[in-house]
Amino acid sequence: MKQPSKASSIFFFVSLLISLLTFTAAATAKFKCNSHDYKVLMKIKRELGDPYHLASWIPNTDCCNWYVVDCDDNGRIVQFHLFQDNNISAQIPPSIGDLPYLQQLTFRHLSELHGEIPPAISKLKNVRFLRLSWTNLSGPVPDFLSQLKNLDFLDLSFNNLTGSIPPSLAYLPKLTTLDLGRNKLTGQIPDSFGEFAASDFYLRLSHNRLSGTIPRSLGNPNFTLVELGRNLLEGDASFLLGRNKSIQTLDLSRNLLQFDLNAVEIPPTLEVLYIDHNKIYGGLPAGLAQLDHIYLNVSYNRLCGPIPVGSNLQSLDATAYFHNRCLCGSPLPPCRR
């Protein structure tokens, strides 16, 4: 039997290779996914240690069909949400900054995600939503986050971040929510935090080690929610309330605050007021009784006098009023005459 010549074997191999490349190119051309973003995602997968959570990220398939990411109509990656995987032991991949059309980025509930927040994130000029929470991230809250001018939601809660809060975050023109709670942040609340541009702002700084006085600039009436509980804050906080305010939730619990509560005017929008475990004195403002409903805890202070009658104040558990100097009236024992 005649054996094929060497030249014919080479010709057959080259023809087969060309056919495969042509087929691959044709298949790739049908993919919606942008080729640049595809390459970046494959690099991110390697930098994360090829976790099982990214099992759908199969080479030479359309990345717009993969889990974790979403594409726009042009095949550019605009969302990246990685969460609920305690087996990913890595740092945030620097390559994440090479997805120029990214608008939403999440790394959440990843207990073994460690290291500092990488400067590469500052390249994401289109990002609007950034959530890096419930991880083992450490280091400072980076000042370079203030370069993300389209950012409207920033959540860095439940991490191990340390150091002071950069004042520059207040100058993000579209920011409406800032959550730095449950970290190990120290120093004072920046005075600039009274200058957020949004008319409906949510500020969460609770469960840190912040100290000093609360800047009077935070009396700005554009806050809807302010959570400063479980810090080391001292002095006055009465300016956070007032008839002209639109605040709905105010949590100042477990600090060292000291002011006359009786002199405070209660805004009609107030729904939650937690001021327990401070050194607040005076009496409960009559305006509390004018609210439709209030979640209230004023325990462990130095308050005195009758509990106003109205709203749901008498139906609250007595523990909401415990351990004050001389509060009285339902649900506590009657006032003495």
C-alpha atoms as a PDB file:
ATOM      1  CA  MET A   1       0.000   0.000   0.000  1.00  0.00           C
ATOM      2  CA  LYS A   2       1.339   3.381  -1.017  1.00  0.00           C
ATOM      3  CA  GLN A   3       2.100   5.670   1.954  1.00  0.00           C
ATOM      4  CA  PRO A   4       1.157   9.375   1.719  1.00  0.00           C
ATOM      5  CA  SER A   5       4.090  11.617   0.961  1.00  0.00           C
ATOM      6  CA  LYS A   6       5.519  13.993   3.564  1.00  0.00           C
ATOM      7  CA  ALA A   7       4.413  16.961   1.457  1.00  0.00           C
ATOM      8  CA  SER A   8       0.797  15.732   1.295  1.00  0.00           C
ATOM      9  CA  SER A   9       0.766  15.136   5.080  1.00  0.00           C
ATOM     10  CA  ILE A  10       1.952  18.676   5.719  1.00  0.00           C
ATOM     11  CA  PHE A  11      -0.642  20.010   3.278  1.00  0.00           C
ATOM     12  CA  PHE A  12      -3.392  18.051   5.055  1.00  0.00           C
ATOM     13  CA  PHE A  13      -2.291  19.339   8.489  1.00  0.00           C
ATOM     14  CA  VAL A  14      -2.128  22.950   7.328  1.00  0.00           C
ATOM     15  CA  SER A  15      -5.544  22.664   5.672  1.00  0.00           C
ATOM     16  CA  LEU A  16      -7.019  21.226   8.868  1.00  0.00           C
ATOM     17  CA  LEU A  17      -5.473  24.001  10.964  1.00  0.00           C
ATOM     18  CA  ILE A  18      -6.820  26.689   8.648  1.00  0.00           C
ATOM     19  CA  SER A  19     -10.271  25.119   8.778  1.00  0.00           C
ATOM     20  CA  LEU A  20     -10.230  25.081  12.571  1.00  0.00           C
ATOM     21  CA  LEU A  21      -9.067  28.691  12.769  1.00  0.00           C
ATOM     22  CA  THR A  22     -11.687  29.740  10.247  1.00  0.00           C
ATOM     23  CA  PHE A  23     -14.394  27.925  12.190  1.00  0.00           C
ATOM     24  CA  THR A  24     -13.247  29.481  15.468  1.00  0.00           C
ATOM     25  CA  ALA A  25     -13.114  32.944  13.935  1.00  0.00           C
ATOM     26  CA  ALA A  26     -16.578  32.496  12.467  1.00  0.00           C
ATOM     27  CA  ALA A  27     -17.952  31.289  15.783  1.00  0.00           C
ATOM     28  CA  THR A  28     -16.294  34.148  17.637  1.00  0.00           C
ATOM     29  CA  ALA A  29     -17.715  36.631  15.159  1.00  0.00           C
ATOM     30  CA  LYS A  30     -21.192  35.463  16.158  1.00  0.00           C
ATOM     31  CA  PHE A  31     -20.509  36.219  19.834  1.00  0.00           C
ATOM     32  CA  LYS A  32     -22.118  39.314  21.288  1.00  0.00           C
ATOM     33  CA  CYS A  33     -19.266  39.734  23.772  1.00  0.00           C
ATOM     34  CA  ASN A  34     -16.628  42.336  22.970  1.00  0.00           C
ATOM     35  CA  SER A  35     -13.252  40.664  22.331  1.00  0.00           C
ATOM     36  CA  HIS A  36     -11.348  43.058  24.616  1.00  0.00           C
ATOM     37  CA  ASP A  37     -13.742  42.469  27.512  1.00  0.00           C
ATOM     38  CA  TYR A  38     -13.602  38.713  26.887  1.00  0.00           C
ATOM     39  CA  LYS A  39      -9.807  38.733  27.282  1.00  0.00           C
ATOM     40  CA  VAL A  40     -10.029  40.849  30.445  1.00  0.00           C
ATOM     41  CA  LEU A  41     -12.571  38.484  32.000  1.00  0.00           C
ATOM     42  CA  MET A  42     -10.403  35.464  31.298  1.00  0.00           C
ATOM     43  CA  LYS A  43      -7.538  37.258  33.031  1.00  0.00           C
ATOM     44  CA  ILE A  44      -9.777  38.099  36.002  1.00  0.00           C
ATOM     45  CA  LYS A  45     -10.729  34.438  36.242  1.00  0.00           C
ATOM     46  CA  ARG A  46      -7.055  33.466  36.480  1.00  0.00           C
ATOM     47  CA  GLU A  47      -6.344  36.200  39.042  1.00  0.00           C
ATOM     48  CA  LEU A  48      -9.170  34.874  41.224  1.00  0.00           C
ATOM     49  CA  GLY A  49      -7.746  31.351  41.070  1.00  0.00           C
ATOM     50  CA  ASP A  50     -10.293  29.924  38.614  1.00  0.00           C
ATOM     51  CA  PRO A  51     -13.053  29.536  41.240  1.00  0.00           C
ATOM     52  CA  TYR A  52     -16.037  27.251  40.823  1.00  0.00           C
ATOM     53  CA  HIS A  53     -18.302  30.308  40.985  1.00  0.00           C
ATOM     54  CA  LEU A  54     -17.000  31.173  37.506  1.00  0.00           C
ATOM     55  CA  ALA A  55     -17.537  27.696  36.048  1.00  0.00           C
ATOM     56  CA  SER A  56     -19.695  29.149  33.272  1.00  0.00           C
ATOM     57  CA  TRP A  57     -16.723  31.185  32.040  1.00  0.00           C
ATOM     58  CA  ILE A  58     -15.720  28.638  29.418  1.00  0.00           C
ATOM     59  CA  PRO A  59     -13.068  29.654  26.843  1.00  0.00           C
ATOM     60  CA  ASN A  60     -14.308  30.447  23.330  1.00  0.00           C
ATOM     61  CA  THR A  61     -17.902  30.961  24.459  1.00  0.00           C
ATOM     62  CA  ASP A  62     -19.936  34.141  24.545  1.00  0.00           C
ATOM     63  CA  CYS A  63     -19.153  35.993  27.785  1.00  0.00           C
ATOM     64  CA  CYS A  64     -22.513  37.769  27.587  1.00  0.00           C
ATOM     65  CA  ASN A  65     -24.058  34.417  28.548  1.00  0.00           C
ATOM     66  CA  TRP A  66     -21.819  33.909  31.582  1.00  0.00           C
ATOM     67  CA  TYR A  67     -22.906  34.168  35.193  1.00  0.00           C
ATOM     68  CA  VAL A  68     -21.721  37.149  37.289  1.00  0.00           C
ATOM     69  CA  VAL A  69     -21.541  39.567  34.344  1.00  0.00           C
ATOM     70  CA  ASP A  70     -24.016  41.379  32.082  1.00  0.00           C
ATOM     71  CA  CYS A  71     -23.514  43.054  28.696  1.00  0.00           C
ATOM     72  CA  ASP A  72     -25.101  46.070  27.078  1.00  0.00           C
ATOM     73  CA  ASP A  73     -26.517  45.986  23.543  1.00  0.00           C
ATOM     74  CA  ASN A  74     -23.032  46.462  22.120  1.00  0.00           C
ATOM     75  CA  GLY A  75     -21.537  43.497  23.935  1.00  0.00           C
ATOM     76  CA  ARG A  76     -19.613  45.562  26.490  1.00  0.00           C
ATOM     77  CA  ILE A  77     -19.522  44.371  30.097  1.00  0.00           C
ATOM     78  CA  VAL A  78     -21.560  46.807  32.210  1.00  0.00           C
ATOM     79  CA  GLN A  79     -22.226  44.746  35.353  1.00  0.00           C
ATOM     80  CA  PHE A  80     -20.024  42.504  37.489  1.00  0.00           C
ATOM     81  CA  HIS A  81     -21.575  41.007  40.645  1.00  0.00           C
ATOM     82  CA  LEU A  82     -19.580  38.334  42.471  1.00  0.00           C
ATOM     83  CA  PHE A  83     -20.944  37.269  45.865  1.00  0.00           C
ATOM     84  CA  GLN A  84     -21.604  34.408  48.276  1.00  0.00           C
ATOM     85  CA  ASP A  85     -18.434  32.344  47.843  1.00  0.00           C
ATOM     86  CA  ASN A  86     -16.210  31.704  50.857  1.00  0.00           C
ATOM     87  CA  ASN A  87     -13.748  29.628  48.825  1.00  0.00           C
ATOM     88  CA  ILE A  88     -12.321  32.526  46.824  1.00  0.00           C
ATOM     89  CA  SER A  89      -9.032  33.370  48.517  1.00  0.00           C
ATOM     90  CA  ALA A  90      -7.584  36.219  46.495  1.00  0.00           C
ATOM     91  CA  GLN A  91      -7.376  39.977  46.171  1.00  0.00           C
ATOM     92  CA  ILE A  92      -9.602  42.120  43.984  1.00  0.00           C
ATOM     93  CA  PRO A  93      -8.096  41.575  40.508  1.00  0.00           C
ATOM     94  CA  PRO A  94      -6.377  44.724  39.179  1.00  0.00           C
ATOM     95  CA  SER A  95      -7.691  43.735  35.741  1.00  0.00           C
ATOM     96  CA  ILE A  96     -11.177  44.781  36.865  1.00  0.00           C
ATOM     97  CA  GLY A  97     -10.088  48.304  35.983  1.00  0.00           C
ATOM     98  CA  ASP A  98      -9.755  47.271  32.334  1.00  0.00           C
ATOM     99  CA  LEU A  99     -13.512  47.004  31.820  1.00  0.00           C
ATOM    100  CA  PRO A 100     -14.085  50.607  30.681  1.00  0.00           C
ATOM    101  CA  TYR A 101     -17.871  50.374  30.296  1.00  0.00           C
ATOM    102  CA  LEU A 102     -18.522  48.880  33.731  1.00  0.00           C
ATOM    103  CA  GLN A 103     -21.396  50.602  35.557  1.00  0.00           C
ATOM    104  CA  GLN A 104     -22.020  48.270  38.500  1.00  0.00           C
ATOM    105  CA  LEU A 105     -19.396  46.368  40.493  1.00  0.00           C
ATOM    106  CA  THR A 106     -19.971  44.054  43.458  1.00  0.00           C
ATOM    107  CA  PHE A 107     -17.674  41.894  45.560  1.00  0.00           C
ATOM    108  CA  ARG A 108     -19.857  40.821  48.510  1.00  0.00           C
ATOM    109  CA  HIS A 109     -20.020  38.056  51.107  1.00  0.00           C
ATOM    110  CA  LEU A 110     -16.556  36.796  50.141  1.00  0.00           C
ATOM    111  CA  SER A 111     -14.932  36.116  53.504  1.00  0.00           C
ATOM    112  CA  GLU A 112     -11.517  35.210  52.055  1.00  0.00           C
ATOM    113  CA  LEU A 113     -11.239  38.208  49.729  1.00  0.00           C
ATOM    114  CA  HIS A 114      -8.339  40.169  51.198  1.00  0.00           C
ATOM    115  CA  GLY A 115      -5.853  42.942  50.549  1.00  0.00           C
ATOM    116  CA  GLU A 116      -6.484  46.612  49.920  1.00  0.00           C
ATOM    117  CA  ILE A 117      -8.894  48.226  47.474  1.00  0.00           C
ATOM    118  CA  PRO A 118      -6.780  48.429  44.286  1.00  0.00           C
ATOM    119  CA  PRO A 119      -6.063  51.749  42.549  1.00  0.00           C
ATOM    120  CA  ALA A 120      -7.190  50.133  39.283  1.00  0.00           C
ATOM    121  CA  ILE A 121     -10.787  50.772  40.363  1.00  0.00           C
ATOM    122  CA  SER A 122     -10.174  54.489  39.810  1.00  0.00           C
ATOM    123  CA  LYS A 123     -10.116  53.750  36.056  1.00  0.00           C
ATOM    124  CA  LEU A 124     -13.795  52.804  36.075  1.00  0.00           C
ATOM    125  CA  LYS A 125     -15.072  56.237  35.069  1.00  0.00           C
ATOM    126  CA  ASN A 126     -18.561  54.957  34.206  1.00  0.00           C
ATOM    127  CA  VAL A 127     -19.217  53.065  37.422  1.00  0.00           C
ATOM    128  CA  ARG A 128     -22.358  54.209  39.261  1.00  0.00           C
ATOM    129  CA  PHE A 129     -22.761  51.399  41.815  1.00  0.00           C
ATOM    130  CA  LEU A 130     -19.805  50.094  43.860  1.00  0.00           C
ATOM    131  CA  ARG A 131     -20.323  47.557  46.627  1.00  0.00           C
ATOM    132  CA  LEU A 132     -17.330  45.928  48.347  1.00  0.00           C
ATOM    133  CA  SER A 133     -18.844  44.541  51.541  1.00  0.00           C
ATOM    134  CA  TRP A 134     -18.748  41.570  53.895  1.00  0.00           C
ATOM    135  CA  THR A 135     -15.165  40.705  52.922  1.00  0.00           C
ATOM    136  CA  ASN A 136     -11.756  40.684  54.593  1.00  0.00           C
ATOM    137  CA  LEU A 137     -10.552  43.805  52.789  1.00  0.00           C
ATOM    138  CA  SER A 138      -8.190  45.967  54.838  1.00  0.00           C
ATOM    139  CA  GLY A 139      -6.221  49.178  54.543  1.00  0.00           C
ATOM    140  CA  PRO A 140      -7.653  52.681  54.162  1.00  0.00           C
ATOM    141  CA  VAL A 141     -10.743  54.011  52.448  1.00  0.00           C
ATOM    142  CA  PRO A 142      -8.935  55.215  49.300  1.00  0.00           C
ATOM    143  CA  ASP A 143      -8.992  58.884  48.414  1.00  0.00           C
ATOM    144  CA  PHE A 144      -8.901  57.902  44.727  1.00  0.00           C
ATOM    145  CA  LEU A 145     -12.565  56.849  44.958  1.00  0.00           C
ATOM    146  CA  SER A 146     -13.372  60.550  44.681  1.00  0.00           C
ATOM    147  CA  GLN A 147     -12.297  60.309  41.026  1.00  0.00           C
ATOM    148  CA  LEU A 148     -15.399  58.228  40.213  1.00  0.00           C
ATOM    149  CA  LYS A 149     -17.600  61.191  39.336  1.00  0.00           C
ATOM    150  CA  ASN A 150     -20.564  59.066  38.174  1.00  0.00           C
ATOM    151  CA  LEU A 151     -20.781  57.143  41.433  1.00  0.00           C
ATOM    152  CA  ASP A 152     -24.167  57.371  43.160  1.00  0.00           C
ATOM    153  CA  PHE A 153     -23.931  54.352  45.516  1.00  0.00           C
ATOM    154  CA  LEU A 154     -20.829  53.420  47.559  1.00  0.00           C
ATOM    155  CA  ASP A 155     -20.933  50.567  50.079  1.00  0.00           C
ATOM    156  CA  LEU A 156     -17.713  49.523  51.850  1.00  0.00           C
ATOM    157  CA  SER A 157     -19.403  48.093  54.959  1.00  0.00           C
ATOM    158  CA  PHE A 158     -18.508  44.973  56.954  1.00  0.00           C
ATOM    159  CA  ASN A 159     -14.781  44.955  56.175  1.00  0.00           C
ATOM    160  CA  ASN A 160     -11.580  45.615  58.115  1.00  0.00           C
ATOM    161  CA  LEU A 161     -10.855  49.086  56.768  1.00  0.00           C
ATOM    162  CA  THR A 162      -8.788  51.364  58.997  1.00  0.00           C
ATOM    163  CA  GLY A 163      -7.609  54.958  59.162  1.00  0.00           C
ATOM    164  CA  SER A 164      -9.562  58.144  58.677  1.00  0.00           C
ATOM    165  CA  ILE A 165     -12.360  58.931  56.235  1.00  0.00           C
ATOM    166  CA  PRO A 166     -11.210  60.965  53.199  1.00  0.00           C
ATOM    167  CA  PRO A 167     -13.090  64.307  53.082  1.00  0.00           C
ATOM    168  CA  SER A 168     -12.998  64.190  49.269  1.00  0.00           C
ATOM    169  CA  LEU A 169     -15.860  61.657  49.169  1.00  0.00           C
ATOM    170  CA  ALA A 170     -18.238  64.550  49.879  1.00  0.00           C
ATOM    171  CA  TYR A 171     -17.462  66.029  46.475  1.00  0.00           C
ATOM    172  CA  LEU A 172     -18.767  63.123  44.434  1.00  0.00           C
ATOM    173  CA  PRO A 173     -21.478  65.076  42.610  1.00  0.00           C
ATOM    174  CA  LYS A 174     -23.968  62.220  42.101  1.00  0.00           C
ATOM    175  CA  LEU A 175     -23.502  60.285  45.339  1.00  0.00           C
ATOM    176  CA  THR A 176     -26.737  59.503  47.214  1.00  0.00           C
ATOM    177  CA  THR A 177     -25.623  56.642  49.511  1.00  0.00           C
ATOM    178  CA  LEU A 178     -22.398  56.213  51.487  1.00  0.00           C
ATOM    179  CA  ASP A 179     -22.047  53.182  53.755  1.00  0.00           C
ATOM    180  CA  LEU A 180     -18.781  52.799  55.684  1.00  0.00           C
ATOM    181  CA  GLY A 181     -20.335  50.979  58.639  1.00  0.00           C
ATOM    182  CA  ARG A 182     -18.866  47.984  60.447  1.00  0.00           C
ATOM    183  CA  ASN A 183     -15.194  48.759  59.914  1.00  0.00           C
ATOM    184  CA  LYS A 184     -12.377  50.000  62.161  1.00  0.00           C
ATOM    185  CA  LEU A 185     -12.262  53.595  61.027  1.00  0.00           C
ATOM    186  CA  THR A 186     -10.867  56.247  63.353  1.00  0.00           C
ATOM    187  CA  GLY A 187     -10.600  60.017  63.543  1.00  0.00           C
ATOM    188  CA  GLN A 188     -13.338  62.568  63.090  1.00  0.00           C
ATOM    189  CA  ILE A 189     -16.244  62.737  60.678  1.00  0.00           C
ATOM    190  CA  PRO A 190     -15.111  65.134  57.918  1.00  0.00           C
ATOM    191  CA  ASP A 191     -16.683  68.572  58.079  1.00  0.00           C
ATOM    192  CA  SER A 192     -17.165  68.313  54.302  1.00  0.00           C
ATOM    193  CA  PHE A 193     -19.844  65.654  54.848  1.00  0.00           C
ATOM    194  CA  GLY A 194     -22.385  68.419  55.182  1.00  0.00           C
ATOM    195  CA  GLU A 195     -21.816  69.280  51.529  1.00  0.00           C
ATOM    196  CA  PHE A 196     -23.188  66.229  49.739  1.00  0.00           C
ATOM    197  CA  ALA A 197     -25.059  67.451  46.682  1.00  0.00           C
ATOM    198  CA  ALA A 198     -27.961  64.967  46.741  1.00  0.00           C
ATOM    199  CA  SER A 199     -31.311  66.076  48.132  1.00  0.00           C
ATOM    200  CA  ASP A 200     -32.039  62.601  49.528  1.00  0.00           C
ATOM    201  CA  PHE A 201     -28.865  61.276  51.160  1.00  0.00           C
ATOM    202  CA  TYR A 202     -28.207  58.079  53.150  1.00  0.00           C
ATOM    203  CA  LEU A 203     -25.135  58.172  55.429  1.00  0.00           C
ATOM    204  CA  ARG A 204     -24.047  55.098  57.383  1.00  0.00           C
ATOM    205  CA  LEU A 205     -20.939  55.307  59.592  1.00  0.00           C
ATOM    206  CA  SER A 206     -22.006  53.127  62.526  1.00  0.00           C
ATOM    207  CA  HIS A 207     -19.904  50.489  64.302  1.00  0.00           C
ATOM    208  CA  ASN A 208     -16.518  52.165  63.896  1.00  0.00           C
ATOM    209  CA  ARG A 209     -14.138  53.993  66.235  1.00  0.00           C
ATOM    210  CA  LEU A 210     -14.893  57.525  65.134  1.00  0.00           C
ATOM    211  CA  SER A 211     -14.328  60.185  67.785  1.00  0.00           C
ATOM    212  CA  GLY A 212     -14.648  63.896  68.443  1.00  0.00           C
ATOM    213  CA  THR A 213     -17.717  66.010  67.887  1.00  0.00           C
ATOM    214  CA  ILE A 214     -20.216  65.665  65.059  1.00  0.00           C
ATOM    215  CA  PRO A 215     -19.607  68.488  62.544  1.00  0.00           C
ATOM    216  CA  ARG A 216     -22.371  71.074  62.657  1.00  0.00           C
ATOM    217  CA  SER A 217     -22.395  70.920  58.867  1.00  0.00           C
ATOM    218  CA  LEU A 218     -24.290  67.626  59.182  1.00  0.00           C
ATOM    219  CA  GLY A 219     -27.284  69.709  60.180  1.00  0.00           C
ATOM    220  CA  ASN A 220     -27.783  70.101  56.445  1.00  0.00           C
ATOM    221  CA  PRO A 221     -31.452  69.275  55.827  1.00  0.00           C
ATOM    222  CA  ASN A 222     -30.783  66.986  52.847  1.00  0.00           C
ATOM    223  CA  PHE A 223     -30.163  63.838  54.923  1.00  0.00           C
ATOM    224  CA  THR A 224     -32.858  61.162  54.887  1.00  0.00           C
ATOM    225  CA  LEU A 225     -30.904  58.669  56.986  1.00  0.00           C
ATOM    226  CA  VAL A 226     -27.972  59.176  59.359  1.00  0.00           C
ATOM    227  CA  GLU A 227     -26.494  56.208  61.248  1.00  0.00           C
ATOM    228  CA  LEU A 228     -23.628  57.083  63.613  1.00  0.00           C
ATOM    229  CA  GLY A 229     -24.269  54.501  66.324  1.00  0.00           C
ATOM    230  CA  ARG A 230     -21.559  52.598  68.211  1.00  0.00           C
ATOM    231  CA  ASN A 231     -18.722  55.075  67.896  1.00  0.00           C
ATOM    232  CA  LEU A 232     -16.959  57.384  70.369  1.00  0.00           C
ATOM    233  CA  LEU A 233     -18.676  60.609  69.361  1.00  0.00           C
ATOM    234  CA  GLU A 234     -19.266  63.302  71.952  1.00  0.00           C
ATOM    235  CA  GLY A 235     -20.893  66.682  72.429  1.00  0.00           C
ATOM    236  CA  ASP A 236     -24.010  68.054  70.753  1.00  0.00           C
ATOM    237  CA  ALA A 237     -26.120  66.389  68.070  1.00  0.00           C
ATOM    238  CA  SER A 238     -29.360  68.339  68.475  1.00  0.00           C
ATOM    239  CA  PHE A 239     -28.781  70.174  65.174  1.00  0.00           C
ATOM    240  CA  LEU A 240     -29.467  66.925  63.294  1.00  0.00           C
ATOM    241  CA  LEU A 241     -33.138  67.378  64.160  1.00  0.00           C
ATOM    242  CA  GLY A 242     -35.481  70.306  63.571  1.00  0.00           C
ATOM    243  CA  ARG A 243     -38.823  71.185  62.016  1.00  0.00           C
ATOM    244  CA  ASN A 244     -37.214  71.995  58.669  1.00  0.00           C
ATOM    245  CA  LYS A 245     -35.394  68.676  58.375  1.00  0.00           C
ATOM    246  CA  SER A 246     -36.437  65.802  56.107  1.00  0.00           C
ATOM    247  CA  ILE A 247     -34.663  63.126  58.121  1.00  0.00           C
ATOM    248  CA  GLN A 248     -36.495  59.814  58.553  1.00  0.00           C
ATOM    249  CA  THR A 249     -33.937  57.683  60.433  1.00  0.00           C
ATOM    250  CA  LEU A 250     -31.446  58.905  63.041  1.00  0.00           C
ATOM    251  CA  ASP A 251     -29.279  56.457  64.970  1.00  0.00           C
ATOM    252  CA  LEU A 252     -26.894  57.994  67.515  1.00  0.00           C
ATOM    253  CA  SER A 253     -26.901  55.077  69.951  1.00  0.00           C
ATOM    254  CA  ARG A 254     -23.951  54.006  72.086  1.00  0.00           C
ATOM    255  CA  ASN A 255     -21.813  57.127  71.923  1.00  0.00           C
ATOM    256  CA  LEU A 256     -20.831  59.814  74.449  1.00  0.00           C
ATOM    257  CA  LEU A 257     -23.249  62.489  73.291  1.00  0.00           C
ATOM    258  CA  GLN A 258     -24.558  65.096  75.713  1.00  0.00           C
ATOM    259  CA  PHE A 259     -27.297  67.647  74.930  1.00  0.00           C
ATOM    260  CA  ASP A 260     -30.758  68.804  76.026  1.00  0.00           C
ATOM    261  CA  LEU A 261     -33.317  66.701  74.170  1.00  0.00           C
ATOM    262  CA  ASN A 262     -36.213  68.797  75.419  1.00  0.00           C
ATOM    263  CA  ALA A 263     -34.992  71.736  73.322  1.00  0.00           C
ATOM    264  CA  VAL A 264     -35.141  69.723  70.095  1.00  0.00           C
ATOM    265  CA  GLU A 265     -37.932  70.184  67.559  1.00  0.00           C
ATOM    266  CA  ILE A 266     -39.059  66.888  66.059  1.00  0.00           C
ATOM    267  CA  PRO A 267     -39.354  66.838  62.238  1.00  0.00           C
ATOM    268  CA  PRO A 268     -42.666  65.436  60.969  1.00  0.00           C
ATOM    269  CA  THR A 269     -40.784  62.999  58.692  1.00  0.00           C
ATOM    270  CA  LEU A 270     -39.063  61.174  61.583  1.00  0.00           C
ATOM    271  CA  GLU A 271     -39.726  57.422  61.723  1.00  0.00           C
ATOM    272  CA  VAL A 272     -36.739  56.013  63.645  1.00  0.00           C
ATOM    273  CA  LEU A 273     -34.887  57.613  66.581  1.00  0.00           C
ATOM    274  CA  TYR A 274     -32.258  55.579  68.436  1.00  0.00           C
ATOM    275  CA  ILE A 275     -30.310  57.645  70.972  1.00  0.00           C
ATOM    276  CA  ASP A 276     -29.846  55.045  73.709  1.00  0.00           C
ATOM    277  CA  HIS A 277     -26.633  54.663  75.733  1.00  0.00           C
ATOM    278  CA  ASN A 278     -25.513  58.304  75.762  1.00  0.00           C
ATOM    279  CA  LYS A 279     -25.524  61.155  78.295  1.00  0.00           C
ATOM    280  CA  ILE A 280     -28.533  62.998  76.897  1.00  0.00           C
ATOM    281  CA  TYR A 281     -30.573  64.974  79.403  1.00  0.00           C
ATOM    282  CA  GLY A 282     -33.811  66.971  79.572  1.00  0.00           C
ATOM    283  CA  GLY A 283     -37.214  65.519  78.683  1.00  0.00           C
ATOM    284  CA  LEU A 284     -38.905  63.906  75.719  1.00  0.00           C
ATOM    285  CA  PRO A 285     -40.140  66.509  73.202  1.00  0.00           C
ATOM    286  CA  ALA A 286     -43.909  66.813  72.868  1.00  0.00           C
ATOM    287  CA  GLY A 287     -43.461  66.598  69.085  1.00  0.00           C
ATOM    288  CA  LEU A 288     -42.885  62.850  69.361  1.00  0.00           C
ATOM    289  CA  ALA A 289     -46.564  62.418  70.173  1.00  0.00           C
ATOM    290  CA  GLN A 290     -47.541  64.147  66.920  1.00  0.00           C
ATOM    291  CA  LEU A 291     -45.905  61.524  64.703  1.00  0.00           C
ATOM    292  CA  ASP A 292     -47.962  58.784  63.056  1.00  0.00           C
ATOM    293  CA  HIS A 293     -45.560  56.083  64.254  1.00  0.00           C
ATOM    294  CA  ILE A 294     -42.062  56.021  65.690  1.00  0.00           C
ATOM    295  CA  TYR A 295     -39.415  53.378  66.368  1.00  0.00           C
ATOM    296  CA  LEU A 296     -37.791  54.805  69.486  1.00  0.00           C
ATOM    297  CA  ASN A 297     -35.091  53.904  71.983  1.00  0.00           C
ATOM    298  CA  VAL A 298     -33.983  56.507  74.543  1.00  0.00           C
ATOM    299  CA  SER A 299     -32.803  54.103  77.243  1.00  0.00           C
ATOM    300  CA  TYR A 300     -29.606  54.541  79.277  1.00  0.00           C
ATOM    301  CA  ASN A 301     -29.531  58.332  79.303  1.00  0.00           C
ATOM    302  CA  ARG A 302     -30.272  61.072  81.873  1.00  0.00           C
ATOM    303  CA  LEU A 303     -33.800  61.966  80.799  1.00  0.00           C
ATOM    304  CA  CYS A 304     -36.532  63.059  83.153  1.00  0.00           C
ATOM    305  CA  GLY A 305     -40.236  63.961  83.139  1.00  0.00           C
ATOM    306  CA  PRO A 306     -43.398  62.478  81.625  1.00  0.00           C
ATOM    307  CA  ILE A 307     -43.499  60.455  78.427  1.00  0.00           C
ATOM    308  CA  PRO A 308     -45.703  62.434  75.980  1.00  0.00           C
ATOM    309  CA  VAL A 309     -49.079  60.853  75.304  1.00  0.00           C
ATOM    310  CA  GLY A 310     -49.790  60.105  71.675  1.00  0.00           C
ATOM    311  CA  SER A 311     -48.554  58.306  68.585  1.00  0.00           C
ATOM    312  CA  ASN A 312     -47.436  54.797  69.593  1.00  0.00           C
ATOM    313  CA  LEU A 313     -45.328  55.997  72.547  1.00  0.00           C
ATOM    314  CA  GLN A 314     -47.445  54.152  75.108  1.00  0.00           C
ATOM    315  CA  SER A 315     -47.404  50.878  73.154  1.00  0.00           C
ATOM    316  CA  LEU A 316     -43.620  50.667  72.959  1.00  0.00           C
ATOM    317  CA  ASP A 317     -41.868  48.181  75.221  1.00  0.00           C
ATOM    318  CA  ALA A 318     -40.796  49.713  78.510  1.00  0.00           C
ATOM    319  CA  THR A 319     -37.183  48.807  77.724  1.00  0.00           C
ATOM    320  CA  ALA A 320     -37.170  51.661  75.169  1.00  0.00           C
ATOM    321  CA  TYR A 321     -37.255  54.039  78.172  1.00  0.00           C
ATOM    322  CA  PHE A 322     -35.287  52.101  80.812  1.00  0.00           C
ATOM    323  CA  HIS A 323     -32.376  53.427  82.886  1.00  0.00           C
ATOM    324  CA  ASN A 324     -33.038  57.148  82.783  1.00  0.00           C
ATOM    325  CA  ARG A 325     -32.978  59.615  85.641  1.00  0.00           C
ATOM    326  CA  CYS A 326     -36.705  60.037  86.180  1.00  0.00           C
ATOM    327  CA  LEU A 327     -38.809  59.308  83.098  1.00  0.00           C
ATOM    328  CA  CYS A 328     -42.353  58.375  84.032  1.00  0.00           C
ATOM    329  CA  GLY A 329     -45.756  57.607  82.594  1.00  0.00           C
ATOM    330  CA  SER A 330     -46.991  54.712  80.465  1.00  0.00           C
ATOM    331  CA  PRO A 331     -45.435  52.274  79.707  1.00  0.00           C
ATOM    332  CA  LEU A 332     -43.277  53.166  82.787  1.00  0.00           C
ATOM    333  CA  PRO A 333     -44.783  53.653  86.264  1.00  0.00           C
ATOM    334  CA  PRO A 334     -47.010  56.737  86.719  1.00  0.00           C
ATOM    335  CA  CYS A 335     -45.428  60.099  87.439  1.00  0.00           C
ATOM    336  CA  ARG A 336     -45.474  61.245  91.042  1.00  0.00           C
ATOM    337  CA  ARG A 337     -47.513  64.335  91.852  1.00  0.00           C
END
